[in-house]
Amino acid sequence: MEKINYLQKELEMKQNLVGEGFEPPPNDGRIRVNVMGEIVSAENFESDELFLTWELVLPPYFEFDNQDFLELNGSLSPEEAEELNRTKSTTQISRYTVETSKGGYLKNTYYFSFPLDWQFKANTSDLGKRWPLLLVQANSIDSWGRYRVEGYTFYELPRESGLSEQKIFMYRPYEGLYGMIHSNYLGGSTRVKNLRDIASASFVNEKGAEVPLNRFLQSCENAGQMTFRFTVTKQSKEVADRNRSVFKHVKHQEAIEDFKLRQREVPGPDLIKTENGLISRFPG
């Protein structure tokens, strides 16, 4: 009896930890996309300290979804909406750590582990078009107060559900000899006036999806690298109904198989029941 009470308490504890506040799929025929991830790190820059400014560009056929917050609080102020699905921000300043790469050479690595979390809604027919873009600008500042733009890059949020991690190369406008000398001694650098210009062009890939074109239309040089890690989940009523139907069918088949096994006479203790039927406990 004590063991049964213990198991009941264990089940109740697990149920309390999981909770019941799960948002159902949208009923308007659209799909909900949940994106959670982080800016993991940057590497191969020459500065001692690095910080990032980023901006999320949302296509017109995507919109933010704040339904979870509305279910709990009933209303949403503009300040709260900005905090829930933030579209731009700045990371902390990270100092480099010298590490050895797989190839055996030394590299400067800057760890951020900066969390990112968004919820979107979109029509299923629009999922083949361009997805939201994360635009990133890497900046450095030294002990003399010299500020420089170290590089640019962008990352299209993953289209497939699940966990993904990707390393993206960065680049910066080529400044020429005078610009390089000025930046080295006095700070400052050539910068993009509008961060969205770094991913303004696009093309259609072999899968028929519209994807952004890498690099803006001017002379560039390679900078460092960025590592992103994201987890994507999708919710739609159509998929939920199909999964529910499949689950009911599987449960029905399991009930039939269980009934057949119960009706089968077990000759003696030398036979045991398994998922595939009855097998001998002591095979000869």
C-alpha atoms as a PDB file:
ATOM      1  CA  MET A   1       0.000   0.000   0.000  1.00  0.00           C
ATOM      2  CA  GLU A   2       2.845   2.370   0.802  1.00  0.00           C
ATOM      3  CA  LYS A   3       4.367   1.650  -2.609  1.00  0.00           C
ATOM      4  CA  ILE A   4       1.069   2.517  -4.344  1.00  0.00           C
ATOM      5  CA  ASN A   5       0.820   5.824  -2.430  1.00  0.00           C
ATOM      6  CA  TYR A   6       4.408   6.620  -3.352  1.00  0.00           C
ATOM      7  CA  LEU A   7       3.722   5.986  -7.067  1.00  0.00           C
ATOM      8  CA  GLN A   8       0.590   8.155  -6.911  1.00  0.00           C
ATOM      9  CA  LYS A   9       2.605  11.015  -5.424  1.00  0.00           C
ATOM     10  CA  GLU A  10       5.239  10.609  -8.128  1.00  0.00           C
ATOM     11  CA  LEU A  11       2.587  10.820 -10.857  1.00  0.00           C
ATOM     12  CA  GLU A  12       0.989  13.891  -9.254  1.00  0.00           C
ATOM     13  CA  MET A  13       4.366  15.600  -9.004  1.00  0.00           C
ATOM     14  CA  LYS A  14       5.100  14.973 -12.702  1.00  0.00           C
ATOM     15  CA  GLN A  15       1.667  16.277 -13.686  1.00  0.00           C
ATOM     16  CA  ASN A  16       2.214  19.424 -11.615  1.00  0.00           C
ATOM     17  CA  LEU A  17       5.605  20.001 -13.224  1.00  0.00           C
ATOM     18  CA  VAL A  18       4.233  19.603 -16.750  1.00  0.00           C
ATOM     19  CA  GLY A  19       1.084  21.647 -16.142  1.00  0.00           C
ATOM     20  CA  GLU A  20      -2.058  21.933 -18.243  1.00  0.00           C
ATOM     21  CA  GLY A  21      -1.667  25.381 -19.816  1.00  0.00           C
ATOM     22  CA  PHE A  22      -1.036  24.243 -23.388  1.00  0.00           C
ATOM     23  CA  GLU A  23      -2.334  26.526 -26.102  1.00  0.00           C
ATOM     24  CA  PRO A  24      -4.406  24.695 -28.773  1.00  0.00           C
ATOM     25  CA  PRO A  25      -3.572  25.159 -32.474  1.00  0.00           C
ATOM     26  CA  PRO A  26      -5.092  28.187 -34.257  1.00  0.00           C
ATOM     27  CA  ASN A  27      -8.666  27.719 -35.455  1.00  0.00           C
ATOM     28  CA  ASP A  28      -8.388  30.151 -38.375  1.00  0.00           C
ATOM     29  CA  GLY A  29      -6.527  27.761 -40.693  1.00  0.00           C
ATOM     30  CA  ARG A  30      -3.135  29.271 -40.002  1.00  0.00           C
ATOM     31  CA  ILE A  31      -0.066  27.705 -38.427  1.00  0.00           C
ATOM     32  CA  ARG A  32       1.694  28.748 -35.241  1.00  0.00           C
ATOM     33  CA  VAL A  33       5.504  28.723 -35.275  1.00  0.00           C
ATOM     34  CA  ASN A  34       7.399  28.755 -31.974  1.00  0.00           C
ATOM     35  CA  VAL A  35      11.091  29.637 -32.220  1.00  0.00           C
ATOM     36  CA  MET A  36      13.398  29.366 -29.214  1.00  0.00           C
ATOM     37  CA  GLY A  37      17.147  29.622 -29.436  1.00  0.00           C
ATOM     38  CA  GLU A  38      20.285  31.558 -28.704  1.00  0.00           C
ATOM     39  CA  ILE A  39      23.220  33.374 -30.195  1.00  0.00           C
ATOM     40  CA  VAL A  40      25.847  30.945 -28.975  1.00  0.00           C
ATOM     41  CA  SER A  41      29.196  32.530 -29.811  1.00  0.00           C
ATOM     42  CA  ALA A  42      31.408  34.393 -32.254  1.00  0.00           C
ATOM     43  CA  GLU A  43      34.964  33.579 -33.251  1.00  0.00           C
ATOM     44  CA  ASN A  44      37.970  34.622 -35.316  1.00  0.00           C
ATOM     45  CA  PHE A  45      37.855  38.352 -34.592  1.00  0.00           C
ATOM     46  CA  GLU A  46      40.942  40.370 -33.672  1.00  0.00           C
ATOM     47  CA  SER A  47      39.420  42.628 -30.990  1.00  0.00           C
ATOM     48  CA  ASP A  48      39.645  41.958 -27.257  1.00  0.00           C
ATOM     49  CA  GLU A  49      35.953  42.535 -26.545  1.00  0.00           C
ATOM     50  CA  LEU A  50      32.895  42.129 -28.745  1.00  0.00           C
ATOM     51  CA  PHE A  51      29.195  42.887 -28.507  1.00  0.00           C
ATOM     52  CA  LEU A  52      26.367  42.337 -30.972  1.00  0.00           C
ATOM     53  CA  THR A  53      23.374  44.356 -32.077  1.00  0.00           C
ATOM     54  CA  TRP A  54      20.621  42.421 -33.803  1.00  0.00           C
ATOM     55  CA  GLU A  55      17.270  43.026 -35.462  1.00  0.00           C
ATOM     56  CA  LEU A  56      14.508  40.646 -36.514  1.00  0.00           C
ATOM     57  CA  VAL A  57      12.860  41.391 -39.877  1.00  0.00           C
ATOM     58  CA  LEU A  58       9.360  39.963 -40.208  1.00  0.00           C
ATOM     59  CA  PRO A  59       7.839  39.457 -43.689  1.00  0.00           C
ATOM     60  CA  PRO A  60       4.356  40.969 -44.159  1.00  0.00           C
ATOM     61  CA  TYR A  61       2.669  37.543 -44.217  1.00  0.00           C
ATOM     62  CA  PHE A  62       4.101  36.648 -40.773  1.00  0.00           C
ATOM     63  CA  GLU A  63       2.755  38.211 -37.601  1.00  0.00           C
ATOM     64  CA  PHE A  64       3.610  37.887 -33.926  1.00  0.00           C
ATOM     65  CA  ASP A  65       1.396  35.712 -31.746  1.00  0.00           C
ATOM     66  CA  ASN A  66       0.821  36.801 -28.141  1.00  0.00           C
ATOM     67  CA  GLN A  67      -2.056  34.436 -27.409  1.00  0.00           C
ATOM     68  CA  ASP A  68      -0.340  32.689 -24.491  1.00  0.00           C
ATOM     69  CA  PHE A  69       0.089  35.960 -22.617  1.00  0.00           C
ATOM     70  CA  LEU A  70      -3.448  37.088 -23.423  1.00  0.00           C
ATOM     71  CA  GLU A  71      -4.893  33.848 -22.025  1.00  0.00           C
ATOM     72  CA  LEU A  72      -3.194  34.548 -18.679  1.00  0.00           C
ATOM     73  CA  ASN A  73      -3.639  38.319 -18.378  1.00  0.00           C
ATOM     74  CA  GLY A  74      -6.527  39.218 -20.668  1.00  0.00           C
ATOM     75  CA  SER A  75      -4.841  42.336 -22.078  1.00  0.00           C
ATOM     76  CA  LEU A  76      -1.528  43.408 -23.528  1.00  0.00           C
ATOM     77  CA  SER A  77       0.041  46.860 -23.462  1.00  0.00           C
ATOM     78  CA  PRO A  78       2.428  48.036 -26.212  1.00  0.00           C
ATOM     79  CA  GLU A  79       5.353  47.816 -23.761  1.00  0.00           C
ATOM     80  CA  GLU A  80       4.476  44.222 -22.850  1.00  0.00           C
ATOM     81  CA  ALA A  81       4.061  43.272 -26.516  1.00  0.00           C
ATOM     82  CA  GLU A  82       7.530  44.661 -27.264  1.00  0.00           C
ATOM     83  CA  GLU A  83       9.036  42.632 -24.427  1.00  0.00           C
ATOM     84  CA  LEU A  84       7.300  39.388 -25.449  1.00  0.00           C
ATOM     85  CA  ASN A  85       8.413  39.383 -29.085  1.00  0.00           C
ATOM     86  CA  ARG A  86      11.403  41.696 -29.121  1.00  0.00           C
ATOM     87  CA  THR A  87      12.518  42.733 -32.600  1.00  0.00           C
ATOM     88  CA  LYS A  88      15.887  44.324 -31.752  1.00  0.00           C
ATOM     89  CA  SER A  89      18.354  44.351 -28.911  1.00  0.00           C
ATOM     90  CA  THR A  90      22.029  44.441 -27.898  1.00  0.00           C
ATOM     91  CA  THR A  91      23.970  41.656 -26.225  1.00  0.00           C
ATOM     92  CA  GLN A  92      26.391  41.911 -23.342  1.00  0.00           C
ATOM     93  CA  ILE A  93      30.088  42.604 -23.974  1.00  0.00           C
ATOM     94  CA  SER A  94      32.074  39.381 -24.229  1.00  0.00           C
ATOM     95  CA  ARG A  95      35.843  39.118 -23.843  1.00  0.00           C
ATOM     96  CA  TYR A  96      37.677  36.630 -26.026  1.00  0.00           C
ATOM     97  CA  THR A  97      38.859  33.201 -24.907  1.00  0.00           C
ATOM     98  CA  VAL A  98      41.765  31.574 -26.705  1.00  0.00           C
ATOM     99  CA  GLU A  99      40.831  28.059 -27.823  1.00  0.00           C
ATOM    100  CA  THR A 100      42.357  25.389 -30.028  1.00  0.00           C
ATOM    101  CA  SER A 101      40.303  24.450 -33.075  1.00  0.00           C
ATOM    102  CA  LYS A 102      39.953  20.985 -34.550  1.00  0.00           C
ATOM    103  CA  GLY A 103      42.649  21.866 -37.066  1.00  0.00           C
ATOM    104  CA  GLY A 104      45.130  22.609 -34.284  1.00  0.00           C
ATOM    105  CA  TYR A 105      45.354  26.402 -34.675  1.00  0.00           C
ATOM    106  CA  LEU A 106      44.431  28.998 -32.028  1.00  0.00           C
ATOM    107  CA  LYS A 107      41.306  31.112 -32.341  1.00  0.00           C
ATOM    108  CA  ASN A 108      39.555  33.841 -30.355  1.00  0.00           C
ATOM    109  CA  THR A 109      36.081  32.790 -29.187  1.00  0.00           C
ATOM    110  CA  TYR A 110      33.489  35.129 -27.671  1.00  0.00           C
ATOM    111  CA  TYR A 111      30.645  33.406 -25.798  1.00  0.00           C
ATOM    112  CA  PHE A 112      27.245  35.103 -25.542  1.00  0.00           C
ATOM    113  CA  SER A 113      24.516  32.465 -24.974  1.00  0.00           C
ATOM    114  CA  PHE A 114      22.048  35.277 -25.660  1.00  0.00           C
ATOM    115  CA  PRO A 115      18.464  33.860 -25.485  1.00  0.00           C
ATOM    116  CA  LEU A 116      15.902  34.456 -28.248  1.00  0.00           C
ATOM    117  CA  ASP A 117      12.217  33.543 -28.191  1.00  0.00           C
ATOM    118  CA  TRP A 118       9.448  34.353 -30.699  1.00  0.00           C
ATOM    119  CA  GLN A 119       5.981  33.117 -31.620  1.00  0.00           C
ATOM    120  CA  PHE A 120       4.544  33.691 -35.092  1.00  0.00           C
ATOM    121  CA  LYS A 121       1.408  32.990 -37.087  1.00  0.00           C
ATOM    122  CA  ALA A 122       1.300  32.520 -40.848  1.00  0.00           C
ATOM    123  CA  ASN A 123      -0.774  30.907 -43.560  1.00  0.00           C
ATOM    124  CA  THR A 124       0.410  27.478 -44.636  1.00  0.00           C
ATOM    125  CA  SER A 125       0.573  28.666 -48.256  1.00  0.00           C
ATOM    126  CA  ASP A 126       3.138  31.337 -47.281  1.00  0.00           C
ATOM    127  CA  LEU A 127       5.631  28.992 -45.638  1.00  0.00           C
ATOM    128  CA  GLY A 128       7.501  28.533 -48.933  1.00  0.00           C
ATOM    129  CA  LYS A 129       8.258  32.248 -49.119  1.00  0.00           C
ATOM    130  CA  ARG A 130      10.989  34.116 -47.273  1.00  0.00           C
ATOM    131  CA  TRP A 131      11.056  33.444 -43.526  1.00  0.00           C
ATOM    132  CA  PRO A 132      11.910  35.940 -40.770  1.00  0.00           C
ATOM    133  CA  LEU A 133      15.517  37.096 -40.852  1.00  0.00           C
ATOM    134  CA  LEU A 134      17.823  37.716 -37.921  1.00  0.00           C
ATOM    135  CA  LEU A 135      20.259  40.519 -38.854  1.00  0.00           C
ATOM    136  CA  VAL A 136      23.418  40.801 -36.754  1.00  0.00           C
ATOM    137  CA  GLN A 137      26.108  43.473 -36.505  1.00  0.00           C
ATOM    138  CA  ALA A 138      29.306  42.710 -34.572  1.00  0.00           C
ATOM    139  CA  ASN A 139      30.937  45.657 -32.799  1.00  0.00           C
ATOM    140  CA  SER A 140      34.112  46.127 -30.787  1.00  0.00           C
ATOM    141  CA  ILE A 141      35.308  48.744 -28.342  1.00  0.00           C
ATOM    142  CA  ASP A 142      38.732  48.827 -26.728  1.00  0.00           C
ATOM    143  CA  SER A 143      40.208  50.387 -23.578  1.00  0.00           C
ATOM    144  CA  TRP A 144      40.871  53.631 -25.479  1.00  0.00           C
ATOM    145  CA  GLY A 145      37.198  53.955 -26.377  1.00  0.00           C
ATOM    146  CA  ARG A 146      37.757  53.212 -30.063  1.00  0.00           C
ATOM    147  CA  TYR A 147      34.578  51.801 -31.590  1.00  0.00           C
ATOM    148  CA  ARG A 148      34.555  49.678 -34.738  1.00  0.00           C
ATOM    149  CA  VAL A 149      32.053  47.652 -36.733  1.00  0.00           C
ATOM    150  CA  GLU A 150      33.693  44.249 -37.089  1.00  0.00           C
ATOM    151  CA  GLY A 151      31.204  42.526 -39.369  1.00  0.00           C
ATOM    152  CA  TYR A 152      27.672  41.818 -40.572  1.00  0.00           C
ATOM    153  CA  THR A 153      25.672  38.701 -41.185  1.00  0.00           C
ATOM    154  CA  PHE A 154      22.088  37.463 -41.280  1.00  0.00           C
ATOM    155  CA  TYR A 155      20.395  34.192 -40.467  1.00  0.00           C
ATOM    156  CA  GLU A 156      17.079  32.974 -41.828  1.00  0.00           C
ATOM    157  CA  LEU A 157      15.152  31.215 -39.066  1.00  0.00           C
ATOM    158  CA  PRO A 158      14.976  27.432 -39.616  1.00  0.00           C
ATOM    159  CA  ARG A 159      12.064  26.251 -41.734  1.00  0.00           C
ATOM    160  CA  GLU A 160      12.064  22.667 -40.426  1.00  0.00           C
ATOM    161  CA  SER A 161      10.870  21.643 -36.970  1.00  0.00           C
ATOM    162  CA  GLY A 162      13.398  20.386 -34.448  1.00  0.00           C
ATOM    163  CA  LEU A 163      16.818  21.397 -33.167  1.00  0.00           C
ATOM    164  CA  SER A 164      19.368  22.984 -35.478  1.00  0.00           C
ATOM    165  CA  GLU A 165      22.762  24.590 -35.012  1.00  0.00           C
ATOM    166  CA  GLN A 166      24.553  26.498 -37.734  1.00  0.00           C
ATOM    167  CA  LYS A 167      27.734  28.506 -38.121  1.00  0.00           C
ATOM    168  CA  ILE A 168      27.460  31.592 -40.341  1.00  0.00           C
ATOM    169  CA  PHE A 169      30.318  33.590 -41.850  1.00  0.00           C
ATOM    170  CA  MET A 170      30.410  37.357 -41.333  1.00  0.00           C
ATOM    171  CA  TYR A 171      31.678  40.062 -43.664  1.00  0.00           C
ATOM    172  CA  ARG A 172      32.239  43.811 -43.692  1.00  0.00           C
ATOM    173  CA  PRO A 173      32.589  46.493 -46.381  1.00  0.00           C
ATOM    174  CA  TYR A 174      36.081  46.817 -47.805  1.00  0.00           C
ATOM    175  CA  GLU A 175      37.495  50.162 -46.652  1.00  0.00           C
ATOM    176  CA  GLY A 176      40.753  50.416 -48.586  1.00  0.00           C
ATOM    177  CA  LEU A 177      44.186  51.206 -47.187  1.00  0.00           C
ATOM    178  CA  TYR A 178      43.359  54.667 -45.808  1.00  0.00           C
ATOM    179  CA  GLY A 179      40.208  53.400 -44.102  1.00  0.00           C
ATOM    180  CA  MET A 180      42.065  50.472 -42.519  1.00  0.00           C
ATOM    181  CA  ILE A 181      44.805  52.755 -41.122  1.00  0.00           C
ATOM    182  CA  HIS A 182      42.219  55.235 -39.794  1.00  0.00           C
ATOM    183  CA  SER A 183      40.217  52.447 -38.132  1.00  0.00           C
ATOM    184  CA  ASN A 184      43.300  50.900 -36.544  1.00  0.00           C
ATOM    185  CA  TYR A 185      44.630  54.109 -34.947  1.00  0.00           C
ATOM    186  CA  LEU A 186      41.583  56.310 -34.426  1.00  0.00           C
ATOM    187  CA  GLY A 187      38.674  53.849 -34.495  1.00  0.00           C
ATOM    188  CA  GLY A 188      35.592  54.144 -36.615  1.00  0.00           C
ATOM    189  CA  SER A 189      34.759  52.088 -39.703  1.00  0.00           C
ATOM    190  CA  THR A 190      32.544  51.957 -42.738  1.00  0.00           C
ATOM    191  CA  ARG A 191      29.076  50.897 -41.686  1.00  0.00           C
ATOM    192  CA  VAL A 192      25.747  50.091 -43.295  1.00  0.00           C
ATOM    193  CA  LYS A 193      23.268  52.935 -42.877  1.00  0.00           C
ATOM    194  CA  ASN A 194      20.276  50.581 -42.719  1.00  0.00           C
ATOM    195  CA  LEU A 195      20.929  47.104 -41.305  1.00  0.00           C
ATOM    196  CA  ARG A 196      18.124  45.660 -43.430  1.00  0.00           C
ATOM    197  CA  ASP A 197      20.107  46.371 -46.607  1.00  0.00           C
ATOM    198  CA  ILE A 198      22.449  43.441 -45.936  1.00  0.00           C
ATOM    199  CA  ALA A 199      19.681  40.990 -46.893  1.00  0.00           C
ATOM    200  CA  SER A 200      17.567  43.042 -49.279  1.00  0.00           C
ATOM    201  CA  ALA A 201      18.183  40.802 -52.324  1.00  0.00           C
ATOM    202  CA  SER A 202      16.768  37.280 -52.662  1.00  0.00           C
ATOM    203  CA  PHE A 203      16.526  34.357 -55.074  1.00  0.00           C
ATOM    204  CA  VAL A 204      14.530  31.139 -55.458  1.00  0.00           C
ATOM    205  CA  ASN A 205      16.506  27.983 -54.613  1.00  0.00           C
ATOM    206  CA  GLU A 206      16.179  24.506 -56.111  1.00  0.00           C
ATOM    207  CA  LYS A 207      13.343  23.641 -53.708  1.00  0.00           C
ATOM    208  CA  GLY A 208      11.260  26.582 -54.890  1.00  0.00           C
ATOM    209  CA  ALA A 209      11.700  28.553 -51.666  1.00  0.00           C
ATOM    210  CA  GLU A 210      12.585  32.236 -51.656  1.00  0.00           C
ATOM    211  CA  VAL A 211      15.779  32.768 -49.653  1.00  0.00           C
ATOM    212  CA  PRO A 212      17.873  35.905 -49.031  1.00  0.00           C
ATOM    213  CA  LEU A 213      20.970  36.527 -51.106  1.00  0.00           C
ATOM    214  CA  ASN A 214      24.207  36.614 -49.136  1.00  0.00           C
ATOM    215  CA  ARG A 215      26.221  39.863 -49.017  1.00  0.00           C
ATOM    216  CA  PHE A 216      25.150  43.310 -50.090  1.00  0.00           C
ATOM    217  CA  LEU A 217      26.019  44.684 -53.495  1.00  0.00           C
ATOM    218  CA  GLN A 218      29.465  46.145 -52.871  1.00  0.00           C
ATOM    219  CA  SER A 219      33.055  45.050 -52.214  1.00  0.00           C
ATOM    220  CA  CYS A 220      33.389  43.036 -49.002  1.00  0.00           C
ATOM    221  CA  GLU A 221      36.003  41.202 -47.021  1.00  0.00           C
ATOM    222  CA  ASN A 222      35.640  38.241 -44.716  1.00  0.00           C
ATOM    223  CA  ALA A 223      35.284  38.830 -40.986  1.00  0.00           C
ATOM    224  CA  GLY A 224      34.641  36.256 -38.243  1.00  0.00           C
ATOM    225  CA  GLN A 225      31.945  33.639 -37.698  1.00  0.00           C
ATOM    226  CA  MET A 226      28.731  33.358 -35.681  1.00  0.00           C
ATOM    227  CA  THR A 227      27.101  30.252 -34.208  1.00  0.00           C
ATOM    228  CA  PHE A 228      23.314  30.064 -33.772  1.00  0.00           C
ATOM    229  CA  ARG A 229      21.227  27.343 -32.129  1.00  0.00           C
ATOM    230  CA  PHE A 230      17.437  27.153 -32.534  1.00  0.00           C
ATOM    231  CA  THR A 231      14.535  24.851 -31.747  1.00  0.00           C
ATOM    232  CA  VAL A 232      11.390  25.210 -33.894  1.00  0.00           C
ATOM    233  CA  THR A 233       7.931  23.762 -33.262  1.00  0.00           C
ATOM    234  CA  LYS A 234       4.827  24.147 -35.426  1.00  0.00           C
ATOM    235  CA  GLN A 235       1.151  23.883 -34.529  1.00  0.00           C
ATOM    236  CA  SER A 236      -1.765  23.649 -36.944  1.00  0.00           C
ATOM    237  CA  LYS A 237      -5.299  22.357 -36.533  1.00  0.00           C
ATOM    238  CA  GLU A 238      -5.035  20.217 -39.655  1.00  0.00           C
ATOM    239  CA  VAL A 239      -1.966  18.362 -38.389  1.00  0.00           C
ATOM    240  CA  ALA A 240      -3.429  18.096 -34.877  1.00  0.00           C
ATOM    241  CA  ASP A 241      -6.667  16.547 -36.208  1.00  0.00           C
ATOM    242  CA  ARG A 242      -4.696  14.107 -38.368  1.00  0.00           C
ATOM    243  CA  ASN A 243      -2.487  13.086 -35.449  1.00  0.00           C
ATOM    244  CA  ARG A 244      -5.531  12.701 -33.219  1.00  0.00           C
ATOM    245  CA  SER A 245      -7.161  10.418 -35.780  1.00  0.00           C
ATOM    246  CA  VAL A 246      -4.011   8.312 -36.092  1.00  0.00           C
ATOM    247  CA  PHE A 247      -3.714   8.097 -32.300  1.00  0.00           C
ATOM    248  CA  LYS A 248      -7.321   6.899 -31.977  1.00  0.00           C
ATOM    249  CA  HIS A 249      -6.710   4.284 -34.665  1.00  0.00           C
ATOM    250  CA  VAL A 250      -3.580   3.029 -32.902  1.00  0.00           C
ATOM    251  CA  LYS A 251      -5.376   2.847 -29.548  1.00  0.00           C
ATOM    252  CA  HIS A 252      -8.210   0.933 -31.193  1.00  0.00           C
ATOM    253  CA  GLN A 253      -5.781  -1.586 -32.728  1.00  0.00           C
ATOM    254  CA  GLU A 254      -4.014  -2.000 -29.396  1.00  0.00           C
ATOM    255  CA  ALA A 255      -7.330  -2.693 -27.675  1.00  0.00           C
ATOM    256  CA  ILE A 256      -8.173  -5.378 -30.268  1.00  0.00           C
ATOM    257  CA  GLU A 257      -4.760  -7.035 -29.893  1.00  0.00           C
ATOM    258  CA  ASP A 258      -5.045  -6.938 -26.115  1.00  0.00           C
ATOM    259  CA  PHE A 259      -8.506  -8.539 -26.299  1.00  0.00           C
ATOM    260  CA  LYS A 260      -7.185 -11.326 -28.563  1.00  0.00           C
ATOM    261  CA  LEU A 261      -4.326 -12.040 -26.167  1.00  0.00           C
ATOM    262  CA  ARG A 262      -6.708 -12.177 -23.214  1.00  0.00           C
ATOM    263  CA  GLN A 263      -8.905 -14.695 -25.063  1.00  0.00           C
ATOM    264  CA  ARG A 264      -5.962 -16.916 -25.883  1.00  0.00           C
ATOM    265  CA  GLU A 265      -5.502 -19.695 -23.381  1.00  0.00           C
ATOM    266  CA  VAL A 266      -2.098 -19.759 -21.730  1.00  0.00           C
ATOM    267  CA  PRO A 267      -1.129 -23.455 -21.210  1.00  0.00           C
ATOM    268  CA  GLY A 268       1.218 -22.918 -18.293  1.00  0.00           C
ATOM    269  CA  PRO A 269       3.847 -20.770 -16.617  1.00  0.00           C
ATOM    270  CA  ASP A 270       6.461 -21.679 -19.233  1.00  0.00           C
ATOM    271  CA  LEU A 271       4.904 -19.144 -21.632  1.00  0.00           C
ATOM    272  CA  ILE A 272       5.085 -15.373 -21.174  1.00  0.00           C
ATOM    273  CA  LYS A 273       3.175 -12.632 -23.006  1.00  0.00           C
ATOM    274  CA  THR A 274       5.134 -10.080 -25.076  1.00  0.00           C
ATOM    275  CA  GLU A 275       4.285  -7.417 -27.641  1.00  0.00           C
ATOM    276  CA  ASN A 276       4.611 -10.064 -30.383  1.00  0.00           C
ATOM    277  CA  GLY A 277       2.506 -12.714 -28.677  1.00  0.00           C
ATOM    278  CA  LEU A 278       3.523 -15.668 -26.501  1.00  0.00           C
ATOM    279  CA  ILE A 279       7.052 -16.988 -26.315  1.00  0.00           C
ATOM    280  CA  SER A 280       8.655 -19.765 -24.326  1.00  0.00           C
ATOM    281  CA  ARG A 281      10.265 -18.729 -21.084  1.00  0.00           C
ATOM    282  CA  PHE A 282      12.890 -21.449 -21.476  1.00  0.00           C
ATOM    283  CA  PRO A 283      13.479 -21.921 -25.222  1.00  0.00           C
ATOM    284  CA  GLY A 284      14.854 -25.355 -26.052  1.00  0.00           C
END
